Amino acid sequence: RSHFWAAYNRVAEEHDDEFLDRYKSDMDTMLLFSGLFSTVSTAFIAAMESNLSPDPNDTTHALLTQLVQIGLGNFTAAGSTPVAPASTWSPPTATVRVQSIAYASLAFSLLAAFGAMLCKQW
């Protein structure tokens, strides 16, 4: 009877060691690719970030146009209140959707890396 359990333990340990080695290498690969994907996603997000805010040159241009109108004595064209084109600006819907998808993909990539680290330490 003890011979059976000794053989069983040996085979089980070999199987478990092979299983753990295989999944440990899989987690290493998952960590590598999720890290690379997170890096690329972050670069794209940083490049697209400027599309979510109004162009400050538009405000400067509108205010300079108003100053020129006042300087020329054309008070009716200049208006009584300063022009604020940024207050009516909103980002395009497509840009918001693309940014949302990019942030979601970054979050899932970081979640995958976190899960891989938990698996490796377990």
PDB file of N, CA and C in Angstrom:
ATOM      1  N   ARG A   1       0.813  -1.179   0.000  1.00  0.00           N
ATOM      2  CA  ARG A   1       0.000   0.000   0.000  1.00  0.00           C
ATOM      3  C   ARG A   1       0.865   1.255   0.000  1.00  0.00           C
ATOM      4  N   SER A   2       1.890   1.356   0.759  1.00  0.00           N
ATOM      5  CA  SER A   2       2.755   2.523   0.797  1.00  0.00           C
ATOM      6  C   SER A   2       3.492   2.703  -0.536  1.00  0.00           C
ATOM      7  N   HIS A   3       3.754   1.592  -1.243  1.00  0.00           N
ATOM      8  CA  HIS A   3       4.406   1.677  -2.555  1.00  0.00           C
ATOM      9  C   HIS A   3       3.501   2.423  -3.540  1.00  0.00           C
ATOM     10  N   PHE A   4       2.207   2.151  -3.471  1.00  0.00           N
ATOM     11  CA  PHE A   4       1.249   2.835  -4.344  1.00  0.00           C
ATOM     12  C   PHE A   4       1.253   4.340  -4.104  1.00  0.00           C
ATOM     13  N   TRP A   5       1.189   4.735  -2.816  1.00  0.00           N
ATOM     14  CA  TRP A   5       1.129   6.161  -2.512  1.00  0.00           C
ATOM     15  C   TRP A   5       2.448   6.864  -2.821  1.00  0.00           C
ATOM     16  N   ALA A   6       3.539   6.184  -2.668  1.00  0.00           N
ATOM     17  CA  ALA A   6       4.838   6.774  -3.023  1.00  0.00           C
ATOM     18  C   ALA A   6       4.899   7.019  -4.530  1.00  0.00           C
ATOM     19  N   ALA A   7       4.436   6.050  -5.310  1.00  0.00           N
ATOM     20  CA  ALA A   7       4.409   6.215  -6.763  1.00  0.00           C
ATOM     21  C   ALA A   7       3.426   7.324  -7.157  1.00  0.00           C
ATOM     22  N   TYR A   8       2.285   7.350  -6.497  1.00  0.00           N
ATOM     23  CA  TYR A   8       1.287   8.380  -6.779  1.00  0.00           C
ATOM     24  C   TYR A   8       1.844   9.772  -6.473  1.00  0.00           C
ATOM     25  N   ASN A   9       2.495   9.941  -5.341  1.00  0.00           N
ATOM     26  CA  ASN A   9       3.076  11.230  -4.966  1.00  0.00           C
ATOM     27  C   ASN A   9       4.137  11.674  -5.960  1.00  0.00           C
ATOM     28  N   ARG A  10       4.956  10.724  -6.411  1.00  0.00           N
ATOM     29  CA  ARG A  10       6.000  11.054  -7.381  1.00  0.00           C
ATOM     30  C   ARG A  10       5.387  11.527  -8.697  1.00  0.00           C
ATOM     31  N   VAL A  11       4.397  10.807  -9.199  1.00  0.00           N
ATOM     32  CA  VAL A  11       3.741  11.178 -10.456  1.00  0.00           C
ATOM     33  C   VAL A  11       2.979  12.498 -10.299  1.00  0.00           C
ATOM     34  N   ALA A  12       2.320  12.666  -9.163  1.00  0.00           N
ATOM     35  CA  ALA A  12       1.570  13.899  -8.925  1.00  0.00           C
ATOM     36  C   ALA A  12       2.500  15.104  -8.843  1.00  0.00           C
ATOM     37  N   GLU A  13       3.644  14.947  -8.176  1.00  0.00           N
ATOM     38  CA  GLU A  13       4.605  16.046  -8.085  1.00  0.00           C
ATOM     39  C   GLU A  13       5.170  16.392  -9.453  1.00  0.00           C
ATOM     40  N   GLU A  14       5.466  15.377 -10.273  1.00  0.00           N
ATOM     41  CA  GLU A  14       5.959  15.644 -11.622  1.00  0.00           C
ATOM     42  C   GLU A  14       4.915  16.394 -12.436  1.00  0.00           C
ATOM     43  N   HIS A  15       3.673  15.946 -12.328  1.00  0.00           N
ATOM     44  CA  HIS A  15       2.598  16.610 -13.064  1.00  0.00           C
ATOM     45  C   HIS A  15       2.395  18.040 -12.571  1.00  0.00           C
ATOM     46  N   ASP A  16       2.400  18.229 -11.259  1.00  0.00           N
ATOM     47  CA  ASP A  16       2.217  19.566 -10.699  1.00  0.00           C
ATOM     48  C   ASP A  16       3.367  20.492 -11.080  1.00  0.00           C
ATOM     49  N   ASP A  17       4.585  19.989 -11.024  1.00  0.00           N
ATOM     50  CA  ASP A  17       5.732  20.824 -11.396  1.00  0.00           C
ATOM     51  C   ASP A  17       5.662  21.239 -12.864  1.00  0.00           C
ATOM     52  N   GLU A  18       5.300  20.293 -13.719  1.00  0.00           N
ATOM     53  CA  GLU A  18       5.160  20.613 -15.151  1.00  0.00           C
ATOM     54  C   GLU A  18       4.048  21.632 -15.368  1.00  0.00           C
ATOM     55  N   PHE A  19       2.942  21.432 -14.675  1.00  0.00           N
ATOM     56  CA  PHE A  19       1.796  22.347 -14.779  1.00  0.00           C
ATOM     57  C   PHE A  19       2.191  23.754 -14.340  1.00  0.00           C
ATOM     58  N   LEU A  20       2.866  23.856 -13.198  1.00  0.00           N
ATOM     59  CA  LEU A  20       3.253  25.164 -12.671  1.00  0.00           C
ATOM     60  C   LEU A  20       4.285  25.846 -13.560  1.00  0.00           C
ATOM     61  N   ASP A  21       5.238  25.090 -14.078  1.00  0.00           N
ATOM     62  CA  ASP A  21       6.233  25.675 -14.977  1.00  0.00           C
ATOM     63  C   ASP A  21       5.574  26.223 -16.237  1.00  0.00           C
ATOM     64  N   ARG A  22       4.639  25.465 -16.796  1.00  0.00           N
ATOM     65  CA  ARG A  22       3.963  25.894 -18.016  1.00  0.00           C
ATOM     66  C   ARG A  22       3.169  27.180 -17.760  1.00  0.00           C
ATOM     67  N   TYR A  23       2.416  27.229 -16.677  1.00  0.00           N
ATOM     68  CA  TYR A  23       1.610  28.410 -16.409  1.00  0.00           C
ATOM     69  C   TYR A  23       2.434  29.588 -15.919  1.00  0.00           C
ATOM     70  N   LYS A  24       3.555  29.322 -15.303  1.00  0.00           N
ATOM     71  CA  LYS A  24       4.441  30.409 -14.906  1.00  0.00           C
ATOM     72  C   LYS A  24       5.019  31.091 -16.144  1.00  0.00           C
ATOM     73  N   SER A  25       5.407  30.308 -17.139  1.00  0.00           N
ATOM     74  CA  SER A  25       5.916  30.910 -18.374  1.00  0.00           C
ATOM     75  C   SER A  25       4.795  31.629 -19.126  1.00  0.00           C
ATOM     76  N   ASP A  26       3.565  31.101 -19.053  1.00  0.00           N
ATOM     77  CA  ASP A  26       2.432  31.791 -19.674  1.00  0.00           C
ATOM     78  C   ASP A  26       2.170  33.136 -19.000  1.00  0.00           C
ATOM     79  N   MET A  27       2.294  33.197 -17.680  1.00  0.00           N
ATOM     80  CA  MET A  27       2.093  34.455 -16.964  1.00  0.00           C
ATOM     81  C   MET A  27       3.205  35.451 -17.298  1.00  0.00           C
ATOM     82  N   ASP A  28       4.437  34.953 -17.490  1.00  0.00           N
ATOM     83  CA  ASP A  28       5.528  35.843 -17.896  1.00  0.00           C
ATOM     84  C   ASP A  28       5.232  36.466 -19.257  1.00  0.00           C
ATOM     85  N   THR A  29       4.745  35.646 -20.181  1.00  0.00           N
ATOM     86  CA  THR A  29       4.401  36.144 -21.513  1.00  0.00           C
ATOM     87  C   THR A  29       3.254  37.141 -21.435  1.00  0.00           C
ATOM     88  N   MET A  30       2.262  36.836 -20.609  1.00  0.00           N
ATOM     89  CA  MET A  30       1.127  37.744 -20.453  1.00  0.00           C
ATOM     90  C   MET A  30       1.570  39.077 -19.854  1.00  0.00           C
ATOM     91  N   LEU A  31       2.461  39.035 -18.886  1.00  0.00           N
ATOM     92  CA  LEU A  31       2.986  40.269 -18.298  1.00  0.00           C
ATOM     93  C   LEU A  31       3.738  41.095 -19.326  1.00  0.00           C
ATOM     94  N   LEU A  32       4.539  40.446 -20.141  1.00  0.00           N
ATOM     95  CA  LEU A  32       5.313  41.148 -21.155  1.00  0.00           C
ATOM     96  C   LEU A  32       4.393  41.844 -22.155  1.00  0.00           C
ATOM     97  N   PHE A  33       3.431  41.110 -22.694  1.00  0.00           N
ATOM     98  CA  PHE A  33       2.560  41.703 -23.699  1.00  0.00           C
ATOM     99  C   PHE A  33       1.601  42.737 -23.114  1.00  0.00           C
ATOM    100  N   SER A  34       1.114  42.522 -21.913  1.00  0.00           N
ATOM    101  CA  SER A  34       0.232  43.541 -21.327  1.00  0.00           C
ATOM    102  C   SER A  34       1.024  44.805 -20.997  1.00  0.00           C
ATOM    103  N   GLY A  35       2.271  44.656 -20.600  1.00  0.00           N
ATOM    104  CA  GLY A  35       3.119  45.834 -20.363  1.00  0.00           C
ATOM    105  C   GLY A  35       3.391  46.599 -21.640  1.00  0.00           C
ATOM    106  N   LEU A  36       3.706  45.881 -22.715  1.00  0.00           N
ATOM    107  CA  LEU A  36       3.933  46.545 -24.004  1.00  0.00           C
ATOM    108  C   LEU A  36       2.665  47.213 -24.514  1.00  0.00           C
ATOM    109  N   PHE A  37       1.531  46.537 -24.381  1.00  0.00           N
ATOM    110  CA  PHE A  37       0.272  47.110 -24.845  1.00  0.00           C
ATOM    111  C   PHE A  37      -0.093  48.339 -24.025  1.00  0.00           C
ATOM    112  N   SER A  38       0.152  48.286 -22.723  1.00  0.00           N
ATOM    113  CA  SER A  38      -0.133  49.447 -21.875  1.00  0.00           C
ATOM    114  C   SER A  38       0.734  50.636 -22.275  1.00  0.00           C
ATOM    115  N   THR A  39       1.983  50.375 -22.607  1.00  0.00           N
ATOM    116  CA  THR A  39       2.884  51.448 -23.025  1.00  0.00           C
ATOM    117  C   THR A  39       2.402  52.093 -24.314  1.00  0.00           C
ATOM    118  N   VAL A  40       2.039  51.270 -25.284  1.00  0.00           N
ATOM    119  CA  VAL A  40       1.560  51.803 -26.561  1.00  0.00           C
ATOM    120  C   VAL A  40       0.234  52.539 -26.374  1.00  0.00           C
ATOM    121  N   SER A  41      -0.663  51.989 -25.570  1.00  0.00           N
ATOM    122  CA  SER A  41      -1.951  52.647 -25.316  1.00  0.00           C
ATOM    123  C   SER A  41      -1.749  54.002 -24.649  1.00  0.00           C
ATOM    124  N   THR A  42      -0.843  54.070 -23.707  1.00  0.00           N
ATOM    125  CA  THR A  42      -0.566  55.328 -23.019  1.00  0.00           C
ATOM    126  C   THR A  42      -0.016  56.365 -23.992  1.00  0.00           C
ATOM    127  N   ALA A  43       0.839  55.935 -24.912  1.00  0.00           N
ATOM    128  CA  ALA A  43       1.378  56.868 -25.909  1.00  0.00           C
ATOM    129  C   ALA A  43       0.261  57.417 -26.801  1.00  0.00           C
ATOM    130  N   PHE A  44      -0.656  56.560 -27.225  1.00  0.00           N
ATOM    131  CA  PHE A  44      -1.775  57.027 -28.047  1.00  0.00           C
ATOM    132  C   PHE A  44      -2.700  57.947 -27.259  1.00  0.00           C
ATOM    133  N   ILE A  45      -2.947  57.613 -26.011  1.00  0.00           N
ATOM    134  CA  ILE A  45      -3.818  58.453 -25.181  1.00  0.00           C
ATOM    135  C   ILE A  45      -3.197  59.831 -24.987  1.00  0.00           C
ATOM    136  N   ALA A  46      -1.895  59.869 -24.746  1.00  0.00           N
ATOM    137  CA  ALA A  46      -1.223  61.159 -24.565  1.00  0.00           C
ATOM    138  C   ALA A  46      -1.266  61.983 -25.845  1.00  0.00           C
ATOM    139  N   ALA A  47      -1.159  61.321 -27.003  1.00  0.00           N
ATOM    140  CA  ALA A  47      -1.204  62.052 -28.271  1.00  0.00           C
ATOM    141  C   ALA A  47      -2.606  62.575 -28.567  1.00  0.00           C
ATOM    142  N   MET A  48      -3.634  61.847 -28.151  1.00  0.00           N
ATOM    143  CA  MET A  48      -5.012  62.257 -28.437  1.00  0.00           C
ATOM    144  C   MET A  48      -5.579  63.205 -27.386  1.00  0.00           C
ATOM    145  N   GLU A  49      -4.897  63.405 -26.295  1.00  0.00           N
ATOM    146  CA  GLU A  49      -5.417  64.213 -25.188  1.00  0.00           C
ATOM    147  C   GLU A  49      -5.697  65.656 -25.600  1.00  0.00           C
ATOM    148  N   SER A  50      -4.911  66.187 -26.510  1.00  0.00           N
ATOM    149  CA  SER A  50      -5.093  67.591 -26.901  1.00  0.00           C
ATOM    150  C   SER A  50      -6.392  67.816 -27.670  1.00  0.00           C
ATOM    151  N   ASN A  51      -6.989  66.756 -28.211  1.00  0.00           N
ATOM    152  CA  ASN A  51      -8.244  66.896 -28.946  1.00  0.00           C
ATOM    153  C   ASN A  51      -9.447  67.096 -28.029  1.00  0.00           C
ATOM    154  N   LEU A  52      -9.259  66.919 -26.727  1.00  0.00           N
ATOM    155  CA  LEU A  52     -10.375  67.038 -25.792  1.00  0.00           C
ATOM    156  C   LEU A  52     -10.525  68.427 -25.185  1.00  0.00           C
ATOM    157  N   SER A  53      -9.634  69.345 -25.522  1.00  0.00           N
ATOM    158  CA  SER A  53      -9.735  70.696 -24.988  1.00  0.00           C
ATOM    159  C   SER A  53      -9.745  71.691 -26.153  1.00  0.00           C
ATOM    160  N   PRO A  54     -10.350  72.846 -25.942  1.00  0.00           N
ATOM    161  CA  PRO A  54     -10.407  73.822 -27.038  1.00  0.00           C
ATOM    162  C   PRO A  54      -9.026  74.366 -27.374  1.00  0.00           C
ATOM    163  N   ASP A  55      -8.880  74.787 -28.599  1.00  0.00           N
ATOM    164  CA  ASP A  55      -7.618  75.356 -29.056  1.00  0.00           C
ATOM    165  C   ASP A  55      -7.465  76.761 -28.463  1.00  0.00           C
ATOM    166  N   PRO A  56      -6.427  77.018 -27.677  1.00  0.00           N
ATOM    167  CA  PRO A  56      -6.280  78.348 -27.077  1.00  0.00           C
ATOM    168  C   PRO A  56      -6.043  79.435 -28.130  1.00  0.00           C
ATOM    169  N   ASN A  57      -5.586  79.045 -29.310  1.00  0.00           N
ATOM    170  CA  ASN A  57      -5.385  80.029 -30.380  1.00  0.00           C
ATOM    171  C   ASN A  57      -6.708  80.623 -30.851  1.00  0.00           C
ATOM    172  N   ASP A  58      -7.796  79.848 -30.763  1.00  0.00           N
ATOM    173  CA  ASP A  58      -9.101  80.377 -31.155  1.00  0.00           C
ATOM    174  C   ASP A  58      -9.528  81.521 -30.242  1.00  0.00           C
ATOM    175  N   THR A  59      -9.320  81.360 -28.954  1.00  0.00           N
ATOM    176  CA  THR A  59      -9.663  82.415 -27.991  1.00  0.00           C
ATOM    177  C   THR A  59      -8.796  83.650 -28.235  1.00  0.00           C
ATOM    178  N   THR A  60      -7.508  83.432 -28.431  1.00  0.00           N
ATOM    179  CA  THR A  60      -6.602  84.552 -28.684  1.00  0.00           C
ATOM    180  C   THR A  60      -7.000  85.286 -29.955  1.00  0.00           C
ATOM    181  N   HIS A  61      -7.319  84.525 -30.983  1.00  0.00           N
ATOM    182  CA  HIS A  61      -7.718  85.131 -32.259  1.00  0.00           C
ATOM    183  C   HIS A  61      -8.995  85.965 -32.095  1.00  0.00           C
ATOM    184  N   ALA A  62      -9.983  85.427 -31.386  1.00  0.00           N
ATOM    185  CA  ALA A  62     -11.241  86.157 -31.194  1.00  0.00           C
ATOM    186  C   ALA A  62     -11.016  87.436 -30.395  1.00  0.00           C
ATOM    187  N   LEU A  63     -10.201  87.374 -29.360  1.00  0.00           N
ATOM    188  CA  LEU A  63      -9.946  88.566 -28.538  1.00  0.00           C
ATOM    189  C   LEU A  63      -9.133  89.612 -29.302  1.00  0.00           C
ATOM    190  N   LEU A  64      -8.169  89.165 -30.105  1.00  0.00           N
ATOM    191  CA  LEU A  64      -7.395  90.114 -30.910  1.00  0.00           C
ATOM    192  C   LEU A  64      -8.264  90.776 -31.972  1.00  0.00           C
ATOM    193  N   THR A  65      -9.176  90.020 -32.560  1.00  0.00           N
ATOM    194  CA  THR A  65     -10.103  90.592 -33.536  1.00  0.00           C
ATOM    195  C   THR A  65     -10.970  91.655 -32.877  1.00  0.00           C
ATOM    196  N   GLN A  66     -11.416  91.365 -31.660  1.00  0.00           N
ATOM    197  CA  GLN A  66     -12.234  92.340 -30.934  1.00  0.00           C
ATOM    198  C   GLN A  66     -11.421  93.593 -30.602  1.00  0.00           C
ATOM    199  N   LEU A  67     -10.153  93.430 -30.222  1.00  0.00           N
ATOM    200  CA  LEU A  67      -9.295  94.589 -29.936  1.00  0.00           C
ATOM    201  C   LEU A  67      -9.053  95.427 -31.183  1.00  0.00           C
ATOM    202  N   VAL A  68      -8.871  94.774 -32.307  1.00  0.00           N
ATOM    203  CA  VAL A  68      -8.670  95.510 -33.567  1.00  0.00           C
ATOM    204  C   VAL A  68      -9.925  96.296 -33.910  1.00  0.00           C
ATOM    205  N   GLN A  69     -11.092  95.692 -33.742  1.00  0.00           N
ATOM    206  CA  GLN A  69     -12.350  96.399 -34.018  1.00  0.00           C
ATOM    207  C   GLN A  69     -12.493  97.615 -33.104  1.00  0.00           C
ATOM    208  N   ILE A  70     -12.138  97.477 -31.851  1.00  0.00           N
ATOM    209  CA  ILE A  70     -12.204  98.608 -30.913  1.00  0.00           C
ATOM    210  C   ILE A  70     -11.192  99.671 -31.319  1.00  0.00           C
ATOM    211  N   GLY A  71      -9.991  99.237 -31.707  1.00  0.00           N
ATOM    212  CA  GLY A  71      -8.948 100.183 -32.131  1.00  0.00           C
ATOM    213  C   GLY A  71      -9.341 100.957 -33.370  1.00  0.00           C
ATOM    214  N   LEU A  72     -10.095 100.324 -34.250  1.00  0.00           N
ATOM    215  CA  LEU A  72     -10.538 101.011 -35.458  1.00  0.00           C
ATOM    216  C   LEU A  72     -11.764 101.889 -35.218  1.00  0.00           C
ATOM    217  N   GLY A  73     -12.303 101.823 -34.034  1.00  0.00           N
ATOM    218  CA  GLY A  73     -13.451 102.644 -33.693  1.00  0.00           C
ATOM    219  C   GLY A  73     -14.777 102.006 -34.061  1.00  0.00           C
ATOM    220  N   ASN A  74     -14.762 100.757 -34.424  1.00  0.00           N
ATOM    221  CA  ASN A  74     -15.985 100.053 -34.809  1.00  0.00           C
ATOM    222  C   ASN A  74     -16.527  99.319 -33.577  1.00  0.00           C
ATOM    223  N   PHE A  75     -17.169 100.072 -32.697  1.00  0.00           N
ATOM    224  CA  PHE A  75     -17.632  99.510 -31.428  1.00  0.00           C
ATOM    225  C   PHE A  75     -18.805  98.554 -31.590  1.00  0.00           C
ATOM    226  N   THR A  76     -19.611  98.766 -32.616  1.00  0.00           N
ATOM    227  CA  THR A  76     -20.759  97.870 -32.816  1.00  0.00           C
ATOM    228  C   THR A  76     -20.301  96.487 -33.268  1.00  0.00           C
ATOM    229  N   ALA A  77     -19.249  96.420 -34.099  1.00  0.00           N
ATOM    230  CA  ALA A  77     -18.743  95.112 -34.534  1.00  0.00           C
ATOM    231  C   ALA A  77     -18.002  94.421 -33.400  1.00  0.00           C
ATOM    232  N   ALA A  78     -17.379  95.225 -32.506  1.00  0.00           N
ATOM    233  CA  ALA A  78     -16.623  94.637 -31.406  1.00  0.00           C
ATOM    234  C   ALA A  78     -17.544  94.059 -30.342  1.00  0.00           C
ATOM    235  N   GLY A  79     -18.710  94.624 -30.164  1.00  0.00           N
ATOM    236  CA  GLY A  79     -19.636  94.133 -29.145  1.00  0.00           C
ATOM    237  C   GLY A  79     -19.317  94.714 -27.785  1.00  0.00           C
ATOM    238  N   SER A  80     -20.228  94.541 -26.863  1.00  0.00           N
ATOM    239  CA  SER A  80     -20.048  95.114 -25.527  1.00  0.00           C
ATOM    240  C   SER A  80     -19.414  94.135 -24.544  1.00  0.00           C
ATOM    241  N   THR A  81     -19.469  92.846 -24.851  1.00  0.00           N
ATOM    242  CA  THR A  81     -18.876  91.854 -23.946  1.00  0.00           C
ATOM    243  C   THR A  81     -17.747  91.125 -24.672  1.00  0.00           C
ATOM    244  N   PRO A  82     -16.747  90.705 -23.936  1.00  0.00           N
ATOM    245  CA  PRO A  82     -15.652  89.981 -24.579  1.00  0.00           C
ATOM    246  C   PRO A  82     -16.144  88.662 -25.187  1.00  0.00           C
ATOM    247  N   VAL A  83     -15.522  88.312 -26.270  1.00  0.00           N
ATOM    248  CA  VAL A  83     -15.889  87.075 -26.958  1.00  0.00           C
ATOM    249  C   VAL A  83     -15.222  85.913 -26.236  1.00  0.00           C
ATOM    250  N   ALA A  84     -15.968  84.850 -26.006  1.00  0.00           N
ATOM    251  CA  ALA A  84     -15.441  83.652 -25.345  1.00  0.00           C
ATOM    252  C   ALA A  84     -15.798  82.427 -26.183  1.00  0.00           C
ATOM    253  N   PRO A  85     -15.045  82.163 -27.265  1.00  0.00           N
ATOM    254  CA  PRO A  85     -15.396  81.021 -28.106  1.00  0.00           C
ATOM    255  C   PRO A  85     -15.219  79.682 -27.408  1.00  0.00           C
ATOM    256  N   ALA A  86     -14.405  79.651 -26.377  1.00  0.00           N
ATOM    257  CA  ALA A  86     -14.178  78.379 -25.682  1.00  0.00           C
ATOM    258  C   ALA A  86     -15.402  77.945 -24.875  1.00  0.00           C
ATOM    259  N   SER A  87     -16.264  78.897 -24.523  1.00  0.00           N
ATOM    260  CA  SER A  87     -17.422  78.526 -23.716  1.00  0.00           C
ATOM    261  C   SER A  87     -18.447  77.740 -24.518  1.00  0.00           C
ATOM    262  N   THR A  88     -18.452  77.884 -25.832  1.00  0.00           N
ATOM    263  CA  THR A  88     -19.389  77.144 -26.668  1.00  0.00           C
ATOM    264  C   THR A  88     -18.763  75.895 -27.264  1.00  0.00           C
ATOM    265  N   TRP A  89     -17.493  75.678 -27.027  1.00  0.00           N
ATOM    266  CA  TRP A  89     -16.776  74.559 -27.629  1.00  0.00           C
ATOM    267  C   TRP A  89     -17.068  73.274 -26.873  1.00  0.00           C
ATOM    268  N   SER A  90     -17.214  72.187 -27.599  1.00  0.00           N
ATOM    269  CA  SER A  90     -17.293  70.862 -26.989  1.00  0.00           C
ATOM    270  C   SER A  90     -16.574  69.892 -27.918  1.00  0.00           C
ATOM    271  N   PRO A  91     -15.933  68.890 -27.350  1.00  0.00           N
ATOM    272  CA  PRO A  91     -15.174  67.972 -28.203  1.00  0.00           C
ATOM    273  C   PRO A  91     -16.108  67.168 -29.104  1.00  0.00           C
ATOM    274  N   PRO A  92     -15.619  66.786 -30.278  1.00  0.00           N
ATOM    275  CA  PRO A  92     -16.449  65.965 -31.170  1.00  0.00           C
ATOM    276  C   PRO A  92     -16.793  64.623 -30.520  1.00  0.00           C
ATOM    277  N   THR A  93     -17.968  64.122 -30.820  1.00  0.00           N
ATOM    278  CA  THR A  93     -18.443  62.870 -30.230  1.00  0.00           C
ATOM    279  C   THR A  93     -17.519  61.714 -30.579  1.00  0.00           C
ATOM    280  N   ALA A  94     -17.031  61.688 -31.804  1.00  0.00           N
ATOM    281  CA  ALA A  94     -16.129  60.597 -32.218  1.00  0.00           C
ATOM    282  C   ALA A  94     -14.845  60.603 -31.399  1.00  0.00           C
ATOM    283  N   THR A  95     -14.331  61.786 -31.102  1.00  0.00           N
ATOM    284  CA  THR A  95     -13.103  61.886 -30.303  1.00  0.00           C
ATOM    285  C   THR A  95     -13.340  61.370 -28.889  1.00  0.00           C
ATOM    286  N   VAL A  96     -14.482  61.711 -28.316  1.00  0.00           N
ATOM    287  CA  VAL A  96     -14.798  61.241 -26.964  1.00  0.00           C
ATOM    288  C   VAL A  96     -14.939  59.722 -26.951  1.00  0.00           C
ATOM    289  N   ARG A  97     -15.582  59.166 -27.974  1.00  0.00           N
ATOM    290  CA  ARG A  97     -15.739  57.710 -28.042  1.00  0.00           C
ATOM    291  C   ARG A  97     -14.397  57.011 -28.183  1.00  0.00           C
ATOM    292  N   VAL A  98     -13.540  57.526 -29.061  1.00  0.00           N
ATOM    293  CA  VAL A  98     -12.218  56.904 -29.254  1.00  0.00           C
ATOM    294  C   VAL A  98     -11.399  56.991 -27.970  1.00  0.00           C
ATOM    295  N   GLN A  99     -11.441  58.136 -27.297  1.00  0.00           N
ATOM    296  CA  GLN A  99     -10.709  58.283 -26.037  1.00  0.00           C
ATOM    297  C   GLN A  99     -11.257  57.331 -24.976  1.00  0.00           C
ATOM    298  N   SER A 100     -12.569  57.158 -24.926  1.00  0.00           N
ATOM    299  CA  SER A 100     -13.167  56.241 -23.953  1.00  0.00           C
ATOM    300  C   SER A 100     -12.716  54.811 -24.206  1.00  0.00           C
ATOM    301  N   ILE A 101     -12.690  54.410 -25.462  1.00  0.00           N
ATOM    302  CA  ILE A 101     -12.228  53.060 -25.804  1.00  0.00           C
ATOM    303  C   ILE A 101     -10.753  52.902 -25.464  1.00  0.00           C
ATOM    304  N   ALA A 102      -9.952  53.940 -25.724  1.00  0.00           N
ATOM    305  CA  ALA A 102      -8.519  53.871 -25.411  1.00  0.00           C
ATOM    306  C   ALA A 102      -8.296  53.751 -23.902  1.00  0.00           C
ATOM    307  N   TYR A 103      -9.046  54.506 -23.114  1.00  0.00           N
ATOM    308  CA  TYR A 103      -8.912  54.401 -21.654  1.00  0.00           C
ATOM    309  C   TYR A 103      -9.400  53.043 -21.154  1.00  0.00           C
ATOM    310  N   ALA A 104     -10.457  52.522 -21.750  1.00  0.00           N
ATOM    311  CA  ALA A 104     -10.948  51.200 -21.344  1.00  0.00           C
ATOM    312  C   ALA A 104      -9.925  50.118 -21.679  1.00  0.00           C
ATOM    313  N   SER A 105      -9.306  50.204 -22.854  1.00  0.00           N
ATOM    314  CA  SER A 105      -8.301  49.197 -23.212  1.00  0.00           C
ATOM    315  C   SER A 105      -7.089  49.286 -22.294  1.00  0.00           C
ATOM    316  N   LEU A 106      -6.713  50.491 -21.909  1.00  0.00           N
ATOM    317  CA  LEU A 106      -5.600  50.642 -20.967  1.00  0.00           C
ATOM    318  C   LEU A 106      -5.967  50.050 -19.606  1.00  0.00           C
ATOM    319  N   ALA A 107      -7.179  50.286 -19.164  1.00  0.00           N
ATOM    320  CA  ALA A 107      -7.615  49.743 -17.869  1.00  0.00           C
ATOM    321  C   ALA A 107      -7.622  48.218 -17.894  1.00  0.00           C
ATOM    322  N   PHE A 108      -8.129  47.617 -18.972  1.00  0.00           N
ATOM    323  CA  PHE A 108      -8.153  46.158 -19.051  1.00  0.00           C
ATOM    324  C   PHE A 108      -6.754  45.576 -19.177  1.00  0.00           C
ATOM    325  N   SER A 109      -5.877  46.275 -19.864  1.00  0.00           N
ATOM    326  CA  SER A 109      -4.495  45.812 -19.972  1.00  0.00           C
ATOM    327  C   SER A 109      -3.805  45.831 -18.607  1.00  0.00           C
ATOM    328  N   LEU A 110      -4.013  46.893 -17.858  1.00  0.00           N
ATOM    329  CA  LEU A 110      -3.428  46.961 -16.516  1.00  0.00           C
ATOM    330  C   LEU A 110      -4.062  45.934 -15.581  1.00  0.00           C
ATOM    331  N   LEU A 111      -5.344  45.674 -15.773  1.00  0.00           N
ATOM    332  CA  LEU A 111      -6.014  44.643 -14.981  1.00  0.00           C
ATOM    333  C   LEU A 111      -5.452  43.261 -15.304  1.00  0.00           C
ATOM    334  N   ALA A 112      -5.156  43.000 -16.577  1.00  0.00           N
ATOM    335  CA  ALA A 112      -4.547  41.724 -16.964  1.00  0.00           C
ATOM    336  C   ALA A 112      -3.150  41.580 -16.356  1.00  0.00           C
ATOM    337  N   ALA A 113      -2.381  42.662 -16.357  1.00  0.00           N
ATOM    338  CA  ALA A 113      -1.049  42.617 -15.745  1.00  0.00           C
ATOM    339  C   ALA A 113      -1.158  42.376 -14.239  1.00  0.00           C
ATOM    340  N   PHE A 114      -2.118  43.016 -13.606  1.00  0.00           N
ATOM    341  CA  PHE A 114      -2.338  42.815 -12.174  1.00  0.00           C
ATOM    342  C   PHE A 114      -2.722  41.364 -11.882  1.00  0.00           C
ATOM    343  N   GLY A 115      -3.610  40.806 -12.693  1.00  0.00           N
ATOM    344  CA  GLY A 115      -4.009  39.404 -12.528  1.00  0.00           C
ATOM    345  C   GLY A 115      -2.842  38.458 -12.730  1.00  0.00           C
ATOM    346  N   ALA A 116      -1.997  38.741 -13.711  1.00  0.00           N
ATOM    347  CA  ALA A 116      -0.823  37.895 -13.953  1.00  0.00           C
ATOM    348  C   ALA A 116       0.131  37.953 -12.766  1.00  0.00           C
ATOM    349  N   MET A 117       0.305  39.140 -12.190  1.00  0.00           N
ATOM    350  CA  MET A 117       1.186  39.243 -11.018  1.00  0.00           C
ATOM    351  C   MET A 117       0.612  38.481  -9.827  1.00  0.00           C
ATOM    352  N   LEU A 118      -0.709  38.555  -9.648  1.00  0.00           N
ATOM    353  CA  LEU A 118      -1.320  37.790  -8.557  1.00  0.00           C
ATOM    354  C   LEU A 118      -1.126  36.287  -8.767  1.00  0.00           C
ATOM    355  N   CYS A 119      -1.275  35.836 -10.015  1.00  0.00           N
ATOM    356  CA  CYS A 119      -1.089  34.402 -10.313  1.00  0.00           C
ATOM    357  C   CYS A 119       0.354  33.974 -10.084  1.00  0.00           C
ATOM    358  N   LYS A 120       1.299  34.834 -10.461  1.00  0.00           N
ATOM    359  CA  LYS A 120       2.705  34.471 -10.279  1.00  0.00           C
ATOM    360  C   LYS A 120       3.078  34.387  -8.799  1.00  0.00           C
ATOM    361  N   GLN A 121       2.489  35.240  -7.984  1.00  0.00           N
ATOM    362  CA  GLN A 121       2.856  35.241  -6.567  1.00  0.00           C
ATOM    363  C   GLN A 121       2.081  34.214  -5.756  1.00  0.00           C
ATOM    364  N   TRP A 122       1.053  33.667  -6.345  1.00  0.00           N
ATOM    365  CA  TRP A 122       0.256  32.690  -5.649  1.00  0.00           C
ATOM    366  C   TRP A 122       0.975  31.395  -5.719  1.00  0.00           C
TER     367      TRP A 122
END
